């Protein structure tokens, strides 16, 4: 009887230890994955990849994200999609038209538009 109860306790301890090690390995794997993604996003932002044109070096207050219009896109839809500051959509459309030197809000598939984004919002979006 004693040997059986000792064996059962030892098996339970071993099972608990295995479960703990598995949980630690999962947490470490998740941590390294998050760190790798964060590092890659930071490196991409520093180099100017992923559609962002870095204007920080020139001391500008605005960063521009390049968006390529697809079939069925409208300027209003693109402005609504990239309105990170929840500003008035009309102001966003006007700003996009001004930055891209447009006379009307008509766009075609394949048009490349510079969308102004504030630096603080850009940093939040990259993370």
N, C-alpha and C. Protein backbone atom coordinates (compact mmCIF):
# COMPACT_ATOMS: atom_id res chain seq x y z
N UNK A 1 0.81 -1.19 0.00
CA UNK A 1 0.00 0.00 0.00
C UNK A 1 0.86 1.26 0.00
N UNK A 2 1.91 1.25 0.84
CA UNK A 2 2.79 2.42 0.91
C UNK A 2 3.48 2.68 -0.42
N UNK A 3 3.99 1.65 -1.03
CA UNK A 3 4.68 1.81 -2.31
C UNK A 3 3.74 2.35 -3.38
N UNK A 4 2.51 1.91 -3.36
CA UNK A 4 1.53 2.37 -4.35
C UNK A 4 1.23 3.85 -4.16
N UNK A 5 1.01 4.30 -2.93
CA UNK A 5 0.71 5.71 -2.70
C UNK A 5 1.92 6.59 -3.02
N UNK A 6 3.12 6.11 -2.72
CA UNK A 6 4.32 6.87 -3.08
C UNK A 6 4.45 6.99 -4.59
N UNK A 7 4.19 5.86 -5.25
CA UNK A 7 4.28 5.87 -6.70
C UNK A 7 3.25 6.84 -7.31
N UNK A 8 2.06 6.84 -6.78
CA UNK A 8 1.01 7.75 -7.27
C UNK A 8 1.41 9.19 -7.05
N UNK A 9 1.94 9.53 -5.86
CA UNK A 9 2.38 10.91 -5.58
C UNK A 9 3.50 11.32 -6.52
N UNK A 10 4.46 10.40 -6.74
CA UNK A 10 5.57 10.69 -7.64
C UNK A 10 5.06 10.92 -9.07
N UNK A 11 4.11 10.09 -9.51
CA UNK A 11 3.55 10.26 -10.86
C UNK A 11 2.84 11.60 -10.97
N UNK A 12 2.11 11.99 -9.94
CA UNK A 12 1.41 13.28 -9.97
C UNK A 12 2.40 14.44 -10.02
N UNK A 13 3.48 14.34 -9.22
CA UNK A 13 4.50 15.40 -9.25
C UNK A 13 5.15 15.49 -10.63
N UNK A 14 5.47 14.33 -11.20
CA UNK A 14 6.09 14.32 -12.53
C UNK A 14 5.14 14.91 -13.58
N UNK A 15 3.86 14.55 -13.50
CA UNK A 15 2.87 15.07 -14.43
C UNK A 15 2.76 16.59 -14.28
N UNK A 16 2.73 17.07 -13.04
CA UNK A 16 2.65 18.51 -12.79
C UNK A 16 3.90 19.21 -13.31
N UNK A 17 5.06 18.61 -13.12
CA UNK A 17 6.31 19.21 -13.60
C UNK A 17 6.32 19.28 -15.12
N UNK A 18 5.84 18.22 -15.79
CA UNK A 18 5.77 18.24 -17.26
C UNK A 18 4.83 19.32 -17.75
N UNK A 19 3.69 19.45 -17.10
CA UNK A 19 2.71 20.48 -17.49
C UNK A 19 3.31 21.87 -17.30
N UNK A 20 4.03 22.07 -16.20
CA UNK A 20 4.66 23.36 -15.95
C UNK A 20 5.71 23.68 -17.02
N UNK A 21 6.55 22.69 -17.34
CA UNK A 21 7.57 22.91 -18.38
C UNK A 21 6.93 23.22 -19.72
N UNK A 22 5.84 22.52 -20.05
CA UNK A 22 5.15 22.77 -21.32
C UNK A 22 4.58 24.19 -21.34
N UNK A 23 4.02 24.65 -20.21
CA UNK A 23 3.47 26.01 -20.15
C UNK A 23 4.58 27.04 -20.29
N UNK A 24 5.73 26.80 -19.68
CA UNK A 24 6.86 27.73 -19.78
C UNK A 24 7.35 27.80 -21.22
N UNK A 25 7.45 26.65 -21.88
CA UNK A 25 7.90 26.62 -23.27
C UNK A 25 6.91 27.38 -24.16
N UNK A 26 5.61 27.22 -23.95
CA UNK A 26 4.61 27.95 -24.74
C UNK A 26 4.75 29.45 -24.53
N UNK A 27 4.93 29.87 -23.28
CA UNK A 27 5.06 31.30 -23.00
C UNK A 27 6.32 31.88 -23.64
N UNK A 28 7.42 31.16 -23.55
CA UNK A 28 8.66 31.64 -24.15
C UNK A 28 8.55 31.70 -25.66
N UNK A 29 7.91 30.72 -26.26
CA UNK A 29 7.71 30.73 -27.71
C UNK A 29 6.89 31.94 -28.13
N UNK A 30 5.81 32.20 -27.40
CA UNK A 30 4.97 33.36 -27.69
C UNK A 30 5.75 34.66 -27.52
N UNK A 31 6.53 34.75 -26.45
CA UNK A 31 7.33 35.94 -26.20
C UNK A 31 8.31 36.20 -27.35
N UNK A 32 9.04 35.15 -27.77
CA UNK A 32 10.00 35.33 -28.86
C UNK A 32 9.31 35.66 -30.17
N UNK A 33 8.13 35.12 -30.42
CA UNK A 33 7.39 35.45 -31.64
C UNK A 33 6.97 36.92 -31.63
N UNK A 34 6.47 37.39 -30.49
CA UNK A 34 6.07 38.80 -30.39
C UNK A 34 7.29 39.71 -30.55
N UNK A 35 8.40 39.36 -29.93
CA UNK A 35 9.61 40.16 -30.07
C UNK A 35 10.09 40.19 -31.52
N UNK A 36 10.05 39.07 -32.20
CA UNK A 36 10.49 39.02 -33.60
C UNK A 36 9.59 39.88 -34.48
N UNK A 37 8.29 39.82 -34.28
CA UNK A 37 7.36 40.63 -35.07
C UNK A 37 7.57 42.11 -34.78
N UNK A 38 7.75 42.46 -33.51
CA UNK A 38 7.98 43.85 -33.13
C UNK A 38 9.27 44.37 -33.74
N UNK A 39 10.32 43.56 -33.68
CA UNK A 39 11.59 43.95 -34.27
C UNK A 39 11.46 44.14 -35.78
N UNK A 40 10.78 43.22 -36.46
CA UNK A 40 10.61 43.32 -37.91
C UNK A 40 9.80 44.56 -38.28
N UNK A 41 8.75 44.86 -37.52
CA UNK A 41 7.94 46.05 -37.80
C UNK A 41 8.75 47.32 -37.57
N UNK A 42 9.54 47.34 -36.51
CA UNK A 42 10.38 48.51 -36.24
C UNK A 42 11.44 48.71 -37.31
N UNK A 43 12.04 47.61 -37.75
CA UNK A 43 13.05 47.70 -38.81
C UNK A 43 12.41 48.18 -40.11
N UNK A 44 11.21 47.68 -40.41
CA UNK A 44 10.51 48.09 -41.63
C UNK A 44 10.18 49.57 -41.57
N UNK A 45 9.76 50.04 -40.40
CA UNK A 45 9.43 51.47 -40.26
C UNK A 45 10.68 52.33 -40.37
N UNK A 46 11.78 51.86 -39.81
CA UNK A 46 13.02 52.64 -39.86
C UNK A 46 13.55 52.75 -41.27
N UNK A 47 13.36 51.72 -42.06
CA UNK A 47 13.87 51.72 -43.43
C UNK A 47 12.90 52.40 -44.37
N UNK A 48 11.65 52.52 -43.97
CA UNK A 48 10.66 53.18 -44.81
C UNK A 48 9.87 52.19 -45.64
N UNK A 49 9.81 50.95 -45.21
CA UNK A 49 9.07 49.93 -45.94
C UNK A 49 7.61 49.96 -45.48
N UNK A 50 6.78 49.19 -46.11
CA UNK A 50 5.36 49.00 -45.80
C UNK A 50 4.53 50.25 -46.10
N UNK A 51 4.89 50.96 -47.14
CA UNK A 51 4.04 52.04 -47.60
C UNK A 51 4.26 53.37 -46.92
N UNK A 52 5.12 53.46 -45.96
CA UNK A 52 5.34 54.71 -45.26
C UNK A 52 6.55 55.43 -45.83
N UNK A 53 6.40 56.71 -46.10
CA UNK A 53 7.52 57.54 -46.49
C UNK A 53 7.93 58.31 -45.25
N UNK A 54 9.13 58.07 -44.78
CA UNK A 54 9.53 58.72 -43.53
C UNK A 54 9.88 60.17 -43.80
N UNK A 55 9.20 61.04 -43.09
CA UNK A 55 9.46 62.47 -43.21
C UNK A 55 10.12 63.00 -41.94
N UNK A 56 10.37 62.11 -40.99
CA UNK A 56 10.99 62.55 -39.74
C UNK A 56 12.37 63.13 -39.99
N UNK A 57 13.13 62.55 -40.91
CA UNK A 57 14.50 63.02 -41.17
C UNK A 57 14.50 64.46 -41.68
N UNK A 58 13.45 64.83 -42.39
CA UNK A 58 13.37 66.19 -42.92
C UNK A 58 12.77 67.15 -41.90
N UNK A 59 12.35 66.61 -40.75
CA UNK A 59 11.77 67.47 -39.72
C UNK A 59 10.33 67.81 -40.00
N UNK A 60 9.66 67.09 -40.88
CA UNK A 60 8.27 67.37 -41.21
C UNK A 60 7.36 66.86 -40.10
N UNK A 61 6.16 67.41 -40.03
CA UNK A 61 5.20 67.01 -39.02
C UNK A 61 4.31 65.86 -39.48
N UNK A 62 4.38 65.52 -40.75
CA UNK A 62 3.47 64.53 -41.31
C UNK A 62 4.24 63.42 -41.99
N UNK A 63 3.71 62.21 -41.87
CA UNK A 63 4.24 61.05 -42.58
C UNK A 63 3.18 60.66 -43.59
N UNK A 64 3.63 60.24 -44.77
CA UNK A 64 2.69 59.87 -45.83
C UNK A 64 2.73 58.38 -46.06
N UNK A 65 1.55 57.79 -46.18
CA UNK A 65 1.43 56.39 -46.50
C UNK A 65 0.92 56.31 -47.94
N UNK A 66 1.58 55.52 -48.77
CA UNK A 66 1.19 55.38 -50.16
C UNK A 66 0.17 54.26 -50.29
N UNK A 67 -0.96 54.57 -50.90
CA UNK A 67 -2.02 53.59 -51.11
C UNK A 67 -2.29 53.51 -52.60
N UNK A 68 -2.38 52.30 -53.13
CA UNK A 68 -2.71 52.09 -54.53
C UNK A 68 -4.20 51.79 -54.63
N UNK A 69 -4.92 52.59 -55.42
CA UNK A 69 -6.36 52.41 -55.57
C UNK A 69 -6.64 51.14 -56.36
N UNK A 70 -7.63 50.42 -55.92
CA UNK A 70 -8.05 49.20 -56.59
C UNK A 70 -9.40 49.43 -57.25
N UNK A 71 -9.81 48.47 -58.07
CA UNK A 71 -11.09 48.59 -58.76
C UNK A 71 -12.22 48.71 -57.74
N UNK A 72 -13.07 49.71 -57.92
CA UNK A 72 -14.19 49.93 -57.02
C UNK A 72 -13.89 50.87 -55.87
N UNK A 73 -12.62 51.26 -55.68
CA UNK A 73 -12.28 52.19 -54.61
C UNK A 73 -12.74 53.60 -54.95
N UNK A 74 -13.10 54.33 -53.93
CA UNK A 74 -13.40 55.75 -54.07
C UNK A 74 -12.50 56.53 -53.13
N UNK A 75 -12.30 57.79 -53.42
CA UNK A 75 -11.47 58.61 -52.55
C UNK A 75 -12.09 58.71 -51.16
N UNK A 76 -13.41 58.78 -51.10
CA UNK A 76 -14.10 58.86 -49.82
C UNK A 76 -13.92 57.57 -49.03
N UNK A 77 -13.98 56.43 -49.70
CA UNK A 77 -13.78 55.15 -49.02
C UNK A 77 -12.37 55.01 -48.49
N UNK A 78 -11.39 55.42 -49.30
CA UNK A 78 -9.99 55.35 -48.86
C UNK A 78 -9.78 56.29 -47.67
N UNK A 79 -10.36 57.48 -47.75
CA UNK A 79 -10.22 58.44 -46.64
C UNK A 79 -10.86 57.88 -45.38
N UNK A 80 -12.02 57.24 -45.52
CA UNK A 80 -12.70 56.66 -44.37
C UNK A 80 -11.86 55.52 -43.77
N UNK A 81 -11.25 54.73 -44.64
CA UNK A 81 -10.44 53.59 -44.18
C UNK A 81 -9.17 54.04 -43.47
N UNK A 82 -8.60 55.16 -43.87
CA UNK A 82 -7.34 55.62 -43.30
C UNK A 82 -7.52 56.84 -42.41
N UNK A 83 -8.70 57.04 -41.88
CA UNK A 83 -8.98 58.15 -40.98
C UNK A 83 -8.69 57.71 -39.55
N UNK A 84 -7.40 57.66 -39.17
CA UNK A 84 -6.99 57.13 -37.87
C UNK A 84 -7.32 58.07 -36.73
N UNK A 85 -7.41 59.35 -36.98
CA UNK A 85 -7.67 60.30 -35.91
C UNK A 85 -9.14 60.57 -35.69
N UNK A 86 -10.02 59.85 -36.42
CA UNK A 86 -11.46 60.08 -36.33
C UNK A 86 -11.83 61.53 -36.59
N UNK A 87 -11.15 62.11 -37.58
CA UNK A 87 -11.47 63.49 -37.97
C UNK A 87 -12.67 63.50 -38.88
N UNK A 88 -13.15 64.69 -39.18
CA UNK A 88 -14.24 64.86 -40.13
C UNK A 88 -13.77 64.32 -41.48
N UNK A 89 -14.55 63.43 -42.07
CA UNK A 89 -14.15 62.76 -43.31
C UNK A 89 -13.96 63.76 -44.45
N UNK A 90 -14.73 64.85 -44.44
CA UNK A 90 -14.56 65.87 -45.50
C UNK A 90 -13.19 66.52 -45.42
N UNK A 91 -12.71 66.76 -44.22
CA UNK A 91 -11.38 67.35 -44.05
C UNK A 91 -10.30 66.39 -44.52
N UNK A 92 -10.50 65.10 -44.26
CA UNK A 92 -9.53 64.09 -44.69
C UNK A 92 -9.48 64.04 -46.22
N UNK A 93 -10.65 64.03 -46.87
CA UNK A 93 -10.70 64.01 -48.34
C UNK A 93 -10.03 65.26 -48.91
N UNK A 94 -10.33 66.41 -48.33
CA UNK A 94 -9.70 67.66 -48.80
C UNK A 94 -8.19 67.60 -48.66
N UNK A 95 -7.72 67.07 -47.56
CA UNK A 95 -6.27 66.99 -47.33
C UNK A 95 -5.61 66.02 -48.32
N UNK A 96 -6.25 64.89 -48.58
CA UNK A 96 -5.71 63.93 -49.56
C UNK A 96 -5.66 64.57 -50.94
N UNK A 97 -6.72 65.30 -51.31
CA UNK A 97 -6.73 65.98 -52.62
C UNK A 97 -5.64 67.03 -52.69
N UNK A 98 -5.43 67.78 -51.61
CA UNK A 98 -4.40 68.82 -51.60
C UNK A 98 -3.01 68.21 -51.72
N UNK A 99 -2.74 67.15 -50.94
CA UNK A 99 -1.42 66.52 -50.94
C UNK A 99 -1.09 65.91 -52.30
N UNK A 100 -2.10 65.35 -52.95
CA UNK A 100 -1.89 64.68 -54.24
C UNK A 100 -2.14 65.59 -55.43
N UNK A 101 -2.40 66.88 -55.16
CA UNK A 101 -2.61 67.88 -56.21
C UNK A 101 -3.73 67.44 -57.17
N UNK A 102 -4.88 67.11 -56.59
CA UNK A 102 -6.03 66.64 -57.36
C UNK A 102 -7.06 67.75 -57.49
N UNK A 103 -7.72 67.82 -58.66
CA UNK A 103 -8.78 68.80 -58.89
C UNK A 103 -10.16 68.24 -58.53
N UNK A 104 -10.31 66.90 -58.63
CA UNK A 104 -11.59 66.28 -58.27
C UNK A 104 -11.31 65.02 -57.46
N UNK A 105 -12.37 64.46 -56.92
CA UNK A 105 -12.22 63.28 -56.08
C UNK A 105 -12.28 61.98 -56.89
N UNK A 106 -12.28 62.08 -58.20
CA UNK A 106 -12.32 60.89 -59.06
C UNK A 106 -10.95 60.21 -59.07
N UNK A 107 -10.95 58.89 -58.83
CA UNK A 107 -9.70 58.13 -58.90
C UNK A 107 -9.95 56.89 -59.76
N UNK A 108 -8.87 56.32 -60.28
CA UNK A 108 -8.95 55.11 -61.09
C UNK A 108 -8.11 54.02 -60.44
N UNK A 109 -8.41 52.78 -60.80
CA UNK A 109 -7.63 51.67 -60.29
C UNK A 109 -6.18 51.84 -60.72
N UNK A 110 -5.27 51.65 -59.81
CA UNK A 110 -3.84 51.80 -60.09
C UNK A 110 -3.28 53.15 -59.68
N UNK A 111 -4.15 54.13 -59.41
CA UNK A 111 -3.66 55.44 -58.95
C UNK A 111 -2.97 55.27 -57.60
N UNK A 112 -1.83 55.92 -57.45
CA UNK A 112 -1.10 55.89 -56.18
C UNK A 112 -1.38 57.20 -55.46
N UNK A 113 -1.88 57.07 -54.25
CA UNK A 113 -2.24 58.25 -53.46
C UNK A 113 -1.39 58.31 -52.20
N UNK A 114 -0.90 59.49 -51.90
CA UNK A 114 -0.20 59.72 -50.64
C UNK A 114 -1.25 60.13 -49.61
N UNK A 115 -1.33 59.35 -48.55
CA UNK A 115 -2.30 59.61 -47.49
C UNK A 115 -1.54 60.19 -46.30
N UNK A 116 -1.84 61.43 -45.91
CA UNK A 116 -1.14 62.01 -44.76
C UNK A 116 -1.56 61.34 -43.45
N UNK A 117 -0.56 60.99 -42.66
CA UNK A 117 -0.79 60.34 -41.37
C UNK A 117 0.10 61.05 -40.35
N UNK A 118 -0.42 61.33 -39.17
CA UNK A 118 0.41 62.00 -38.17
C UNK A 118 1.41 61.01 -37.59
N UNK A 119 2.60 61.47 -37.17
CA UNK A 119 3.63 60.58 -36.63
C UNK A 119 3.17 59.77 -35.43
N UNK A 120 2.42 60.36 -34.51
CA UNK A 120 1.99 59.65 -33.31
C UNK A 120 1.09 58.48 -33.69
N UNK A 121 0.18 58.70 -34.62
CA UNK A 121 -0.73 57.64 -35.05
C UNK A 121 0.02 56.59 -35.83
N UNK A 122 1.00 56.99 -36.63
CA UNK A 122 1.80 56.03 -37.38
C UNK A 122 2.52 55.09 -36.44
N UNK A 123 3.09 55.61 -35.36
CA UNK A 123 3.80 54.77 -34.42
C UNK A 123 2.84 53.76 -33.78
N UNK A 124 1.64 54.17 -33.49
CA UNK A 124 0.67 53.25 -32.91
C UNK A 124 0.27 52.18 -33.91
N UNK A 125 0.15 52.54 -35.18
CA UNK A 125 -0.29 51.60 -36.20
C UNK A 125 0.76 50.54 -36.46
N UNK A 126 2.04 50.89 -36.41
CA UNK A 126 3.11 49.94 -36.68
C UNK A 126 3.15 48.88 -35.60
N UNK A 127 2.93 49.27 -34.37
CA UNK A 127 2.97 48.30 -33.28
C UNK A 127 1.81 47.38 -33.44
